[in-house]
Amino acid sequence: MVAQAQTELAGGVPFVSDDDLRVALSDAGVPSSTADAIEETNADSRIEGLRAATAALALLALLALPFTRGIPTVQPGAQPQAGAAPA
């Protein structure tokens, strides 16, 4: 069985590798100069997408940070150590 050339990410967005894109453009008869521009745009777009996803994740982590104050410091059912400050 031949491995699929296209993989879908969790959100259903198709991901095409550089090699698969190059083959598809060649099979479609796209001129070399145009194919090079498409490949460069594809690579740049992937980097921008990764940056946007990283920025969104960082923002989400910063927004969640204040809620970590409610995390217990002592495991439920455990006896606090003598001399330890109450949580």
Protein backbone atom coordinates (compact mmCIF):
# COMPACT_ATOMS: atom_id res chain seq x y z
CA MET A 1 0.00 0.00 0.00
CA VAL A 2 1.36 3.40 -0.96
CA ALA A 3 1.57 5.98 1.82
CA GLN A 4 -0.74 8.93 1.36
CA ALA A 5 1.01 12.04 0.10
CA GLN A 6 -1.35 14.31 1.96
CA THR A 7 -1.82 14.36 5.70
CA GLU A 8 -4.58 16.15 7.54
CA LEU A 9 -3.88 18.07 10.70
CA ALA A 10 -6.20 17.96 13.70
CA GLY A 11 -8.39 20.76 12.34
CA GLY A 12 -8.80 19.03 8.98
CA VAL A 13 -6.35 21.34 7.20
CA PRO A 14 -4.42 19.44 4.53
CA PHE A 15 -0.62 19.47 4.80
CA VAL A 16 1.40 18.92 1.63
CA SER A 17 5.16 18.36 1.83
CA ASP A 18 7.55 20.34 -0.37
CA ASP A 19 8.34 17.25 -2.45
CA ASP A 20 4.66 16.43 -2.97
CA LEU A 21 3.95 20.03 -3.97
CA ARG A 22 6.84 20.00 -6.43
CA VAL A 23 5.57 16.76 -8.02
CA ALA A 24 1.99 18.05 -8.21
CA LEU A 25 3.10 21.29 -9.86
CA SER A 26 5.26 19.39 -12.32
CA ASP A 27 2.40 17.00 -13.15
CA ALA A 28 0.10 19.99 -13.69
CA GLY A 29 2.54 21.48 -16.21
CA VAL A 30 3.21 24.63 -14.18
CA PRO A 31 6.21 26.57 -15.57
CA SER A 32 9.40 26.31 -13.49
CA SER A 33 9.52 30.00 -12.51
CA THR A 34 5.88 29.93 -11.37
CA ALA A 35 6.42 26.65 -9.49
CA ASP A 36 9.41 28.18 -7.66
CA ALA A 37 7.30 31.17 -6.62
CA ILE A 38 4.50 28.87 -5.42
CA GLU A 39 6.93 26.73 -3.41
CA GLU A 40 8.46 29.83 -1.80
CA THR A 41 5.02 31.23 -0.93
CA ASN A 42 3.99 27.86 0.51
CA ALA A 43 7.10 27.72 2.72
CA ASP A 44 6.62 31.32 3.89
CA SER A 45 2.95 30.66 4.66
CA ARG A 46 3.79 27.62 6.78
CA ILE A 47 6.27 29.69 8.83
CA GLU A 48 3.69 32.46 9.32
CA GLY A 49 1.11 29.89 10.36
CA LEU A 50 3.48 28.41 12.92
CA ARG A 51 4.25 31.87 14.28
CA ALA A 52 0.55 32.69 14.58
CA ALA A 53 -0.17 29.39 16.33
CA THR A 54 2.74 29.93 18.73
CA ALA A 55 1.56 33.46 19.50
CA ALA A 56 -1.98 32.21 20.16
CA LEU A 57 -0.64 29.49 22.46
CA ALA A 58 1.51 32.00 24.36
CA LEU A 59 -1.47 34.34 24.78
CA LEU A 60 -3.62 31.49 26.04
CA ALA A 61 -0.93 30.51 28.55
CA LEU A 62 -0.67 34.10 29.81
CA LEU A 63 -4.46 34.34 30.17
CA ALA A 64 -4.54 31.05 32.11
CA LEU A 65 -1.69 32.01 34.46
CA PRO A 66 -3.85 33.87 37.04
CA PHE A 67 -6.05 30.78 37.41
CA THR A 68 -3.11 28.70 38.63
CA ARG A 69 -3.32 30.38 42.04
CA GLY A 70 -6.23 28.06 42.87
CA ILE A 71 -4.17 24.90 42.38
CA PRO A 72 -3.79 23.14 45.75
CA THR A 73 -0.27 22.86 47.15
CA VAL A 74 -1.09 19.81 49.29
CA GLN A 75 -2.46 16.60 47.83
CA PRO A 76 -6.03 15.94 49.00
CA GLY A 77 -6.04 13.47 51.91
CA ALA A 78 -2.39 14.07 52.74
CA GLN A 79 -1.36 15.36 56.16
CA PRO A 80 0.37 18.77 56.05
CA GLN A 81 3.90 18.70 57.41
CA ALA A 82 4.49 20.17 60.86
CA GLY A 83 5.57 23.78 60.66
CA ALA A 84 4.34 24.17 57.08
CA ALA A 85 2.18 27.16 56.30
CA PRO A 86 -1.46 26.29 55.51
CA ALA A 87 -2.37 26.48 51.83
